[in-house]
Amino acid sequence: MQLKAGRTGLGGPSDFGTAHGVEDDGEKWGGDRVMRAIRDLGASDVLVVVSRWYGGELLGPVRFDHIENAAKAALKHHMDKEMPGIAVGRLCEKCDGHWYVEADSPLCDSYVRPAEIVRICDECNFGAYGGKCIICGYPGVSDAYYCTECVLMERDRDGCPKAANLGQSRLDAIFQKKRQAPAYVT
């Protein structure tokens, strides 16, 4: 949304309009297909970049379907984030003070300097999932907090942390089981 020329913004929604543009770098209708994906999904305040390269085979007009599908997939991934609800995230004894906000982030020192309580979406707190650790799924014993650094970096606004950590924690659990499995010597 942007303010229309000569308007103050005090006149309500009619003072604003949308701005959009495309750069398709020689893919004559590629940018239009990306704009169609944005319009179809009702996205706003987004920048969508779809990149393709020549792999030795001419795709013909179907390449535009691929461009549009790639844009839609990226937008759906962005727009389908579960927003945190009112339920408080919990941590088990093992994970308390030792959890990652993102796979590549350092350990969060929320155990030492708690700043903001972790809120999770209603789906992650429903039924048998209620009260479980947001990292490993064991019974939770304490409330989860974001540390000061995470709050300053606005990681507390990235959506439900349980949904974000789900894939990584399942992988970690698989590797943990493999490490603990007894070694068989023949």
N, C-alpha and C. Protein backbone atom coordinates (compact mmCIF):
# COMPACT_ATOMS: atom_id res chain seq x y z
N MET A 1 0.85 -1.17 0.00
CA MET A 1 0.00 0.00 0.00
C MET A 1 0.90 1.24 0.00
N GLN A 2 0.47 2.18 -0.76
CA GLN A 2 1.19 3.44 -0.75
C GLN A 2 0.20 4.58 -0.83
N LEU A 3 0.62 5.70 -0.32
CA LEU A 3 -0.20 6.90 -0.31
C LEU A 3 -0.29 7.46 -1.72
N LYS A 4 -1.50 7.74 -2.18
CA LYS A 4 -1.67 8.32 -3.51
C LYS A 4 -1.15 9.75 -3.53
N ALA A 5 -0.72 10.20 -4.69
CA ALA A 5 -0.15 11.54 -4.84
C ALA A 5 -1.19 12.59 -4.45
N GLY A 6 -0.77 13.57 -3.67
CA GLY A 6 -1.64 14.67 -3.26
C GLY A 6 -2.61 14.32 -2.15
N ARG A 7 -2.48 13.15 -1.55
CA ARG A 7 -3.36 12.73 -0.46
C ARG A 7 -2.60 12.78 0.87
N THR A 8 -3.35 12.91 1.96
CA THR A 8 -2.73 12.99 3.28
C THR A 8 -2.79 11.67 4.03
N GLY A 9 -3.70 10.79 3.63
CA GLY A 9 -3.88 9.54 4.36
C GLY A 9 -4.98 9.63 5.39
N LEU A 10 -5.48 10.84 5.64
CA LEU A 10 -6.53 11.03 6.63
C LEU A 10 -7.92 10.80 6.03
N GLY A 11 -7.99 10.67 4.72
CA GLY A 11 -9.28 10.49 4.04
C GLY A 11 -9.75 9.06 4.00
N GLY A 12 -9.03 8.17 4.63
CA GLY A 12 -9.45 6.78 4.68
C GLY A 12 -8.81 5.93 3.60
N PRO A 13 -9.38 4.75 3.35
CA PRO A 13 -8.79 3.80 2.40
C PRO A 13 -8.66 4.34 0.98
N SER A 14 -9.49 5.30 0.59
CA SER A 14 -9.42 5.82 -0.77
C SER A 14 -8.15 6.65 -1.00
N ASP A 15 -7.43 7.03 0.06
CA ASP A 15 -6.19 7.77 -0.07
C ASP A 15 -5.01 6.86 -0.42
N PHE A 16 -5.22 5.56 -0.39
CA PHE A 16 -4.13 4.62 -0.60
C PHE A 16 -4.38 3.78 -1.84
N GLY A 17 -3.32 3.33 -2.43
CA GLY A 17 -3.38 2.45 -3.58
C GLY A 17 -2.27 1.41 -3.48
N THR A 18 -2.29 0.48 -4.38
CA THR A 18 -1.24 -0.54 -4.37
C THR A 18 -0.23 -0.21 -5.45
N ALA A 19 0.99 -0.54 -5.18
CA ALA A 19 2.06 -0.35 -6.15
C ALA A 19 2.61 -1.73 -6.49
N HIS A 20 2.82 -1.97 -7.75
CA HIS A 20 3.41 -3.23 -8.15
C HIS A 20 4.22 -3.01 -9.42
N GLY A 21 5.13 -3.88 -9.62
CA GLY A 21 5.95 -3.80 -10.81
C GLY A 21 6.61 -5.15 -11.05
N VAL A 22 7.03 -5.36 -12.28
CA VAL A 22 7.68 -6.61 -12.62
C VAL A 22 8.92 -6.33 -13.44
N GLU A 23 9.87 -7.21 -13.31
CA GLU A 23 11.06 -7.20 -14.15
C GLU A 23 11.28 -8.64 -14.55
N ASP A 24 11.03 -8.96 -15.81
CA ASP A 24 11.13 -10.36 -16.22
C ASP A 24 12.39 -10.68 -17.01
N ASP A 25 13.27 -9.71 -17.19
CA ASP A 25 14.59 -9.95 -17.76
C ASP A 25 14.56 -10.85 -18.99
N GLY A 26 13.69 -10.56 -19.91
CA GLY A 26 13.65 -11.30 -21.16
C GLY A 26 12.63 -12.43 -21.20
N GLU A 27 12.14 -12.88 -20.06
CA GLU A 27 11.06 -13.88 -20.02
C GLU A 27 9.78 -13.09 -20.19
N LYS A 28 9.39 -12.85 -21.42
CA LYS A 28 8.39 -11.84 -21.77
C LYS A 28 7.15 -11.81 -20.88
N TRP A 29 6.61 -12.96 -20.48
CA TRP A 29 5.40 -12.96 -19.65
C TRP A 29 5.65 -13.54 -18.26
N GLY A 30 6.90 -13.77 -17.91
CA GLY A 30 7.21 -14.36 -16.61
C GLY A 30 6.77 -13.49 -15.43
N GLY A 31 7.04 -12.19 -15.52
CA GLY A 31 6.65 -11.28 -14.45
C GLY A 31 5.16 -11.19 -14.27
N ASP A 32 4.42 -11.26 -15.39
CA ASP A 32 2.96 -11.23 -15.30
C ASP A 32 2.43 -12.47 -14.59
N ARG A 33 3.06 -13.60 -14.81
CA ARG A 33 2.61 -14.83 -14.13
C ARG A 33 2.88 -14.77 -12.64
N VAL A 34 3.99 -14.14 -12.25
CA VAL A 34 4.28 -13.96 -10.81
C VAL A 34 3.25 -13.01 -10.21
N MET A 35 2.92 -11.93 -10.93
CA MET A 35 1.89 -11.00 -10.44
C MET A 35 0.54 -11.69 -10.32
N ARG A 36 0.22 -12.58 -11.25
CA ARG A 36 -1.04 -13.33 -11.17
C ARG A 36 -1.08 -14.19 -9.91
N ALA A 37 0.04 -14.82 -9.59
CA ALA A 37 0.11 -15.63 -8.37
C ALA A 37 -0.11 -14.78 -7.13
N ILE A 38 0.50 -13.59 -7.10
CA ILE A 38 0.34 -12.69 -5.95
C ILE A 38 -1.12 -12.25 -5.83
N ARG A 39 -1.72 -11.89 -6.96
CA ARG A 39 -3.12 -11.44 -6.97
C ARG A 39 -4.07 -12.58 -6.57
N ASP A 40 -3.85 -13.79 -7.12
CA ASP A 40 -4.72 -14.93 -6.83
C ASP A 40 -4.73 -15.30 -5.36
N LEU A 41 -3.58 -15.18 -4.71
CA LEU A 41 -3.48 -15.55 -3.30
C LEU A 41 -3.76 -14.38 -2.36
N GLY A 42 -3.95 -13.19 -2.91
CA GLY A 42 -4.28 -12.03 -2.08
C GLY A 42 -3.13 -11.56 -1.22
N ALA A 43 -1.91 -11.78 -1.68
CA ALA A 43 -0.74 -11.38 -0.90
C ALA A 43 -0.50 -9.89 -1.03
N SER A 44 0.06 -9.31 0.01
CA SER A 44 0.44 -7.90 -0.03
C SER A 44 1.75 -7.72 0.73
N ASP A 45 2.43 -6.64 0.44
CA ASP A 45 3.71 -6.34 1.08
C ASP A 45 4.71 -7.48 0.92
N VAL A 46 4.83 -8.00 -0.30
CA VAL A 46 5.75 -9.11 -0.56
C VAL A 46 6.64 -8.77 -1.75
N LEU A 47 7.77 -9.40 -1.77
CA LEU A 47 8.68 -9.38 -2.91
C LEU A 47 8.88 -10.83 -3.29
N VAL A 48 8.53 -11.18 -4.52
CA VAL A 48 8.66 -12.56 -4.99
C VAL A 48 9.67 -12.58 -6.12
N VAL A 49 10.69 -13.41 -5.97
CA VAL A 49 11.70 -13.58 -7.00
C VAL A 49 11.70 -15.04 -7.42
N VAL A 50 11.50 -15.28 -8.71
CA VAL A 50 11.58 -16.63 -9.25
C VAL A 50 12.75 -16.64 -10.23
N SER A 51 13.63 -17.58 -10.03
CA SER A 51 14.82 -17.68 -10.87
C SER A 51 14.77 -18.99 -11.65
N ARG A 52 15.18 -18.94 -12.90
CA ARG A 52 15.30 -20.16 -13.69
C ARG A 52 16.53 -20.04 -14.56
N TRP A 53 17.03 -21.16 -15.02
CA TRP A 53 18.18 -21.13 -15.91
C TRP A 53 17.96 -22.16 -17.01
N TYR A 54 18.66 -21.96 -18.08
CA TYR A 54 18.55 -22.86 -19.23
C TYR A 54 19.33 -24.12 -18.94
N GLY A 55 18.64 -25.24 -18.92
CA GLY A 55 19.27 -26.51 -18.60
C GLY A 55 19.55 -27.36 -19.82
N GLY A 56 19.51 -26.77 -21.03
CA GLY A 56 19.83 -27.52 -22.22
C GLY A 56 18.61 -28.00 -22.99
N GLU A 57 17.42 -27.82 -22.42
CA GLU A 57 16.21 -28.29 -23.08
C GLU A 57 15.20 -27.14 -23.13
N LEU A 58 14.66 -26.90 -24.30
CA LEU A 58 13.66 -25.85 -24.44
C LEU A 58 12.33 -26.34 -23.85
N LEU A 59 11.76 -25.58 -22.93
CA LEU A 59 10.52 -25.97 -22.28
C LEU A 59 9.29 -25.45 -23.00
N GLY A 60 9.45 -24.41 -23.76
CA GLY A 60 8.30 -23.82 -24.44
C GLY A 60 7.43 -23.05 -23.47
N PRO A 61 6.15 -22.87 -23.82
CA PRO A 61 5.26 -22.07 -22.98
C PRO A 61 5.00 -22.65 -21.60
N VAL A 62 5.27 -23.94 -21.39
CA VAL A 62 5.03 -24.55 -20.08
C VAL A 62 5.93 -23.92 -19.01
N ARG A 63 7.02 -23.27 -19.42
CA ARG A 63 7.91 -22.64 -18.44
C ARG A 63 7.19 -21.58 -17.64
N PHE A 64 6.19 -20.95 -18.24
CA PHE A 64 5.44 -19.92 -17.51
C PHE A 64 4.57 -20.54 -16.43
N ASP A 65 4.06 -21.75 -16.67
CA ASP A 65 3.33 -22.47 -15.62
C ASP A 65 4.27 -22.79 -14.46
N HIS A 66 5.49 -23.19 -14.80
CA HIS A 66 6.48 -23.49 -13.75
C HIS A 66 6.81 -22.24 -12.94
N ILE A 67 6.95 -21.11 -13.61
CA ILE A 67 7.24 -19.85 -12.92
C ILE A 67 6.09 -19.49 -11.98
N GLU A 68 4.86 -19.61 -12.47
CA GLU A 68 3.69 -19.28 -11.64
C GLU A 68 3.56 -20.25 -10.47
N ASN A 69 3.77 -21.53 -10.71
CA ASN A 69 3.68 -22.52 -9.63
C ASN A 69 4.75 -22.31 -8.58
N ALA A 70 5.96 -21.92 -9.00
CA ALA A 70 7.02 -21.65 -8.03
C ALA A 70 6.67 -20.44 -7.18
N ALA A 71 6.11 -19.41 -7.81
CA ALA A 71 5.71 -18.21 -7.06
C ALA A 71 4.60 -18.54 -6.07
N LYS A 72 3.60 -19.33 -6.51
CA LYS A 72 2.50 -19.70 -5.62
C LYS A 72 2.99 -20.53 -4.45
N ALA A 73 3.91 -21.46 -4.70
CA ALA A 73 4.44 -22.30 -3.62
C ALA A 73 5.18 -21.45 -2.59
N ALA A 74 5.98 -20.49 -3.05
CA ALA A 74 6.70 -19.62 -2.12
C ALA A 74 5.74 -18.76 -1.31
N LEU A 75 4.72 -18.23 -1.97
CA LEU A 75 3.74 -17.39 -1.28
C LEU A 75 2.94 -18.20 -0.26
N LYS A 76 2.53 -19.40 -0.64
CA LYS A 76 1.76 -20.23 0.30
C LYS A 76 2.60 -20.57 1.52
N HIS A 77 3.88 -20.87 1.30
CA HIS A 77 4.76 -21.17 2.43
C HIS A 77 4.87 -19.95 3.35
N HIS A 78 4.97 -18.78 2.77
CA HIS A 78 5.09 -17.55 3.55
C HIS A 78 3.79 -17.23 4.29
N MET A 79 2.66 -17.42 3.62
CA MET A 79 1.38 -17.00 4.18
C MET A 79 0.77 -18.02 5.13
N ASP A 80 1.24 -19.27 5.09
CA ASP A 80 0.64 -20.32 5.91
C ASP A 80 1.29 -20.48 7.27
N LYS A 81 2.14 -19.55 7.66
CA LYS A 81 2.75 -19.63 8.98
C LYS A 81 1.66 -19.57 10.04
N GLU A 82 1.75 -20.46 11.01
CA GLU A 82 0.81 -20.44 12.12
C GLU A 82 1.19 -19.30 13.06
N MET A 83 0.28 -18.40 13.27
CA MET A 83 0.55 -17.30 14.18
C MET A 83 0.33 -17.76 15.61
N PRO A 84 1.14 -17.26 16.52
CA PRO A 84 0.99 -17.69 17.91
C PRO A 84 -0.35 -17.28 18.49
N GLY A 85 -0.88 -18.14 19.34
CA GLY A 85 -2.15 -17.86 20.00
C GLY A 85 -1.92 -17.38 21.42
N ILE A 86 -2.78 -17.83 22.35
CA ILE A 86 -2.66 -17.40 23.74
C ILE A 86 -2.05 -18.46 24.63
N ALA A 87 -1.89 -19.68 24.09
CA ALA A 87 -1.32 -20.77 24.90
C ALA A 87 0.17 -20.51 25.13
N VAL A 88 0.63 -20.86 26.32
CA VAL A 88 2.03 -20.68 26.70
C VAL A 88 2.81 -21.93 26.33
N GLY A 89 3.94 -21.74 25.64
CA GLY A 89 4.81 -22.86 25.29
C GLY A 89 5.50 -23.40 26.53
N ARG A 90 5.73 -24.70 26.54
CA ARG A 90 6.37 -25.36 27.69
C ARG A 90 7.66 -26.03 27.25
N LEU A 91 8.56 -26.23 28.20
CA LEU A 91 9.82 -26.93 27.96
C LEU A 91 9.97 -28.04 28.99
N CYS A 92 10.57 -29.16 28.57
CA CYS A 92 10.85 -30.24 29.51
C CYS A 92 12.18 -29.97 30.22
N GLU A 93 12.55 -30.82 31.17
CA GLU A 93 13.79 -30.62 31.92
C GLU A 93 15.01 -30.65 31.01
N LYS A 94 14.98 -31.53 30.00
CA LYS A 94 16.13 -31.69 29.11
C LYS A 94 16.33 -30.45 28.23
N CYS A 95 15.25 -29.86 27.77
CA CYS A 95 15.34 -28.74 26.81
C CYS A 95 15.34 -27.37 27.47
N ASP A 96 15.02 -27.29 28.74
CA ASP A 96 14.93 -25.99 29.41
C ASP A 96 16.27 -25.29 29.40
N GLY A 97 16.32 -24.12 28.74
CA GLY A 97 17.54 -23.35 28.65
C GLY A 97 18.48 -23.80 27.55
N HIS A 98 18.07 -24.79 26.75
CA HIS A 98 18.94 -25.33 25.71
C HIS A 98 18.23 -25.45 24.37
N TRP A 99 17.41 -24.50 24.02
CA TRP A 99 16.66 -24.68 22.77
C TRP A 99 17.05 -23.67 21.73
N TYR A 100 16.91 -24.08 20.48
CA TYR A 100 17.22 -23.25 19.33
C TYR A 100 15.95 -22.60 18.82
N VAL A 101 16.04 -21.33 18.46
CA VAL A 101 14.91 -20.66 17.83
C VAL A 101 14.89 -21.01 16.36
N GLU A 102 16.04 -21.08 15.74
CA GLU A 102 16.18 -21.50 14.35
C GLU A 102 17.30 -22.51 14.29
N ALA A 103 17.32 -23.30 13.24
CA ALA A 103 18.32 -24.36 13.13
C ALA A 103 19.75 -23.80 13.12
N ASP A 104 19.95 -22.61 12.56
CA ASP A 104 21.29 -22.08 12.46
C ASP A 104 21.61 -21.03 13.54
N SER A 105 20.73 -20.84 14.49
CA SER A 105 20.96 -19.82 15.50
C SER A 105 21.71 -20.41 16.69
N PRO A 106 22.39 -19.59 17.47
CA PRO A 106 23.05 -20.09 18.67
C PRO A 106 22.01 -20.44 19.73
N LEU A 107 22.47 -21.12 20.75
CA LEU A 107 21.56 -21.47 21.84
C LEU A 107 20.97 -20.21 22.46
N CYS A 108 19.70 -20.26 22.72
CA CYS A 108 19.01 -19.14 23.34
C CYS A 108 19.24 -19.21 24.85
N ASP A 109 19.66 -18.12 25.44
CA ASP A 109 19.93 -18.13 26.88
C ASP A 109 18.71 -17.68 27.68
N SER A 110 17.55 -18.16 27.27
CA SER A 110 16.31 -17.76 27.94
C SER A 110 16.27 -18.24 29.39
N TYR A 111 17.04 -19.25 29.72
CA TYR A 111 17.07 -19.77 31.08
C TYR A 111 17.72 -18.75 32.01
N VAL A 112 18.70 -18.02 31.48
CA VAL A 112 19.45 -17.05 32.28
C VAL A 112 18.78 -15.67 32.27
N ARG A 113 18.36 -15.23 31.06
CA ARG A 113 17.79 -13.89 30.92
C ARG A 113 16.44 -13.96 30.20
N PRO A 114 15.40 -14.46 30.84
CA PRO A 114 14.10 -14.52 30.15
C PRO A 114 13.54 -13.12 29.91
N ALA A 115 12.97 -12.92 28.71
CA ALA A 115 12.46 -11.59 28.38
C ALA A 115 10.99 -11.63 28.00
N GLU A 116 10.59 -12.59 27.19
CA GLU A 116 9.22 -12.63 26.67
C GLU A 116 8.74 -14.08 26.69
N ILE A 117 7.55 -14.31 27.19
CA ILE A 117 7.00 -15.65 27.25
C ILE A 117 6.67 -16.14 25.84
N VAL A 118 6.89 -17.42 25.58
CA VAL A 118 6.63 -18.00 24.26
C VAL A 118 5.16 -18.37 24.15
N ARG A 119 4.53 -17.89 23.10
CA ARG A 119 3.13 -18.23 22.80
C ARG A 119 3.11 -19.18 21.61
N ILE A 120 2.26 -20.20 21.68
CA ILE A 120 2.14 -21.15 20.58
C ILE A 120 0.72 -21.13 20.04
N CYS A 121 0.56 -21.64 18.81
CA CYS A 121 -0.75 -21.63 18.17
C CYS A 121 -1.67 -22.65 18.85
N ASP A 122 -2.96 -22.50 18.64
CA ASP A 122 -3.94 -23.39 19.26
C ASP A 122 -3.79 -24.83 18.79
N GLU A 123 -3.40 -25.02 17.53
CA GLU A 123 -3.24 -26.36 16.99
C GLU A 123 -2.13 -27.12 17.70
N CYS A 124 -1.06 -26.43 18.06
CA CYS A 124 0.06 -27.06 18.74
C CYS A 124 -0.23 -27.31 20.22
N ASN A 125 -1.29 -26.78 20.74
CA ASN A 125 -1.64 -26.95 22.15
C ASN A 125 -2.92 -27.76 22.31
N PHE A 126 -3.35 -28.46 21.28
CA PHE A 126 -4.63 -29.15 21.30
C PHE A 126 -4.47 -30.60 21.73
N GLY A 127 -5.40 -31.10 22.53
CA GLY A 127 -5.46 -32.52 22.88
C GLY A 127 -4.22 -33.03 23.57
N ALA A 128 -3.66 -34.11 23.01
CA ALA A 128 -2.49 -34.76 23.60
C ALA A 128 -1.24 -33.89 23.53
N TYR A 129 -1.25 -32.87 22.66
CA TYR A 129 -0.10 -31.99 22.53
C TYR A 129 -0.04 -30.94 23.63
N GLY A 130 -1.13 -30.71 24.32
CA GLY A 130 -1.20 -29.68 25.35
C GLY A 130 -0.21 -29.92 26.47
N GLY A 131 0.53 -28.88 26.84
CA GLY A 131 1.46 -28.99 27.96
C GLY A 131 2.75 -29.71 27.65
N LYS A 132 2.97 -30.10 26.40
CA LYS A 132 4.19 -30.82 26.02
C LYS A 132 5.29 -29.84 25.66
N CYS A 133 6.52 -30.32 25.72
CA CYS A 133 7.68 -29.52 25.36
C CYS A 133 7.58 -29.11 23.89
N ILE A 134 7.84 -27.84 23.60
CA ILE A 134 7.72 -27.37 22.23
C ILE A 134 8.88 -27.84 21.36
N ILE A 135 9.90 -28.44 21.94
CA ILE A 135 11.04 -28.93 21.18
C ILE A 135 10.94 -30.42 20.93
N CYS A 136 10.82 -31.21 21.99
CA CYS A 136 10.91 -32.67 21.83
C CYS A 136 9.60 -33.41 22.07
N GLY A 137 8.61 -32.74 22.65
CA GLY A 137 7.32 -33.40 22.86
C GLY A 137 7.17 -34.12 24.18
N TYR A 138 8.21 -34.13 25.03
CA TYR A 138 8.08 -34.73 26.35
C TYR A 138 7.22 -33.82 27.23
N PRO A 139 6.74 -34.32 28.36
CA PRO A 139 5.92 -33.46 29.23
C PRO A 139 6.67 -32.20 29.67
N GLY A 140 6.02 -31.05 29.53
CA GLY A 140 6.64 -29.78 29.89
C GLY A 140 6.62 -29.56 31.38
N VAL A 141 7.71 -28.99 31.90
CA VAL A 141 7.80 -28.72 33.33
C VAL A 141 7.89 -27.24 33.64
N SER A 142 8.25 -26.42 32.63
CA SER A 142 8.37 -24.98 32.88
C SER A 142 7.95 -24.20 31.64
N ASP A 143 7.60 -22.94 31.85
CA ASP A 143 7.22 -22.09 30.73
C ASP A 143 8.46 -21.76 29.88
N ALA A 144 8.23 -21.62 28.59
CA ALA A 144 9.31 -21.26 27.67
C ALA A 144 9.35 -19.74 27.52
N TYR A 145 10.55 -19.21 27.45
CA TYR A 145 10.75 -17.77 27.29
C TYR A 145 11.72 -17.51 26.15
N TYR A 146 11.54 -16.37 25.50
CA TYR A 146 12.54 -15.86 24.57
C TYR A 146 13.53 -15.04 25.37
N CYS A 147 14.80 -15.08 24.96
CA CYS A 147 15.80 -14.25 25.62
C CYS A 147 15.72 -12.82 25.06
N THR A 148 16.44 -11.92 25.66
CA THR A 148 16.44 -10.51 25.24
C THR A 148 16.89 -10.36 23.80
N GLU A 149 17.93 -11.09 23.40
CA GLU A 149 18.43 -10.99 22.02
C GLU A 149 17.36 -11.43 21.02
N CYS A 150 16.65 -12.50 21.32
CA CYS A 150 15.60 -12.98 20.41
C CYS A 150 14.47 -11.95 20.30
N VAL A 151 14.14 -11.29 21.39
CA VAL A 151 13.09 -10.27 21.36
C VAL A 151 13.56 -9.07 20.54
N LEU A 152 14.82 -8.66 20.72
CA LEU A 152 15.34 -7.54 19.95
C LEU A 152 15.39 -7.86 18.45
N MET A 153 15.65 -9.11 18.10
CA MET A 153 15.68 -9.53 16.70
C MET A 153 14.28 -9.89 16.18
N GLU A 154 13.27 -9.70 17.03
CA GLU A 154 11.85 -9.94 16.73
C GLU A 154 11.57 -11.38 16.33
N ARG A 155 12.32 -12.32 16.88
CA ARG A 155 12.05 -13.73 16.62
C ARG A 155 10.76 -14.16 17.33
N ASP A 156 10.35 -13.39 18.32
CA ASP A 156 9.11 -13.71 19.01
C ASP A 156 7.90 -13.39 18.14
N ARG A 157 8.10 -12.77 16.98
CA ARG A 157 7.00 -12.42 16.08
C ARG A 157 7.00 -13.25 14.81
N ASP A 158 7.81 -14.30 14.76
CA ASP A 158 7.95 -15.10 13.55
C ASP A 158 6.90 -16.19 13.39
N GLY A 159 5.93 -16.25 14.25
CA GLY A 159 4.93 -17.31 14.18
C GLY A 159 5.16 -18.32 15.29
N CYS A 160 4.39 -19.38 15.27
CA CYS A 160 4.45 -20.41 16.31
C CYS A 160 5.81 -21.09 16.29
N PRO A 161 6.59 -21.01 17.39
CA PRO A 161 7.92 -21.62 17.40
C PRO A 161 7.87 -23.13 17.37
N LYS A 162 6.79 -23.73 17.85
CA LYS A 162 6.70 -25.19 17.81
C LYS A 162 6.58 -25.66 16.36
N ALA A 163 5.80 -24.96 15.56
CA ALA A 163 5.67 -25.32 14.15
C ALA A 163 7.00 -25.10 13.43
N ALA A 164 7.74 -24.06 13.79
CA ALA A 164 9.02 -23.78 13.15
C ALA A 164 10.07 -24.80 13.54
N ASN A 165 10.04 -25.30 14.76
CA ASN A 165 11.05 -26.24 15.24
C ASN A 165 10.70 -27.70 14.98
N LEU A 166 9.51 -27.97 14.49
CA LEU A 166 9.03 -29.34 14.39
C LEU A 166 9.93 -30.21 13.53
N GLY A 167 10.27 -29.74 12.34
CA GLY A 167 11.09 -30.55 11.45
C GLY A 167 12.47 -30.83 12.02
N GLN A 168 13.11 -29.83 12.58
CA GLN A 168 14.45 -29.99 13.11
C GLN A 168 14.45 -30.90 14.34
N SER A 169 13.44 -30.78 15.20
CA SER A 169 13.44 -31.60 16.41
C SER A 169 13.20 -33.07 16.07
N ARG A 170 12.41 -33.34 15.03
CA ARG A 170 12.22 -34.74 14.62
C ARG A 170 13.52 -35.33 14.09
N LEU A 171 14.26 -34.55 13.31
CA LEU A 171 15.55 -35.02 12.82
C LEU A 171 16.50 -35.27 13.98
N ASP A 172 16.53 -34.34 14.94
CA ASP A 172 17.40 -34.51 16.10
C ASP A 172 17.04 -35.77 16.88
N ALA A 173 15.75 -36.06 17.01
CA ALA A 173 15.31 -37.24 17.74
C ALA A 173 15.77 -38.52 17.04
N ILE A 174 15.73 -38.53 15.72
CA ILE A 174 16.18 -39.71 14.97
C ILE A 174 17.67 -39.94 15.20
N PHE A 175 18.48 -38.88 15.11
CA PHE A 175 19.92 -39.03 15.32
C PHE A 175 20.24 -39.38 16.77
N GLN A 176 19.46 -38.85 17.70
CA GLN A 176 19.66 -39.17 19.11
C GLN A 176 19.43 -40.66 19.35
N LYS A 177 18.37 -41.21 18.76
CA LYS A 177 18.08 -42.65 18.91
C LYS A 177 19.19 -43.49 18.30
N LYS A 178 19.73 -43.06 17.15
CA LYS A 178 20.81 -43.81 16.51
C LYS A 178 22.05 -43.80 17.38
N ARG A 179 22.34 -42.69 18.04
CA ARG A 179 23.51 -42.61 18.92
C ARG A 179 23.36 -43.49 20.15
N GLN A 180 22.12 -43.62 20.65
CA GLN A 180 21.88 -44.38 21.85
C GLN A 180 21.68 -45.86 21.58
N ALA A 181 21.53 -46.24 20.32
CA ALA A 181 21.30 -47.65 19.98
C ALA A 181 22.55 -48.45 20.30
N PRO A 182 22.36 -49.66 20.84
CA PRO A 182 23.55 -50.48 21.17
C PRO A 182 24.26 -50.92 19.90
N ALA A 183 25.56 -50.93 19.96
CA ALA A 183 26.36 -51.38 18.83
C ALA A 183 26.47 -52.90 18.85
N TYR A 184 26.17 -53.49 17.76
CA TYR A 184 26.24 -54.97 17.66
C TYR A 184 27.54 -55.38 16.98
N VAL A 185 28.29 -56.20 17.64
CA VAL A 185 29.56 -56.67 17.10
C VAL A 185 29.38 -58.12 16.70
N THR A 186 29.76 -58.44 15.48
CA THR A 186 29.61 -59.83 15.03
C THR A 186 30.95 -60.52 14.98
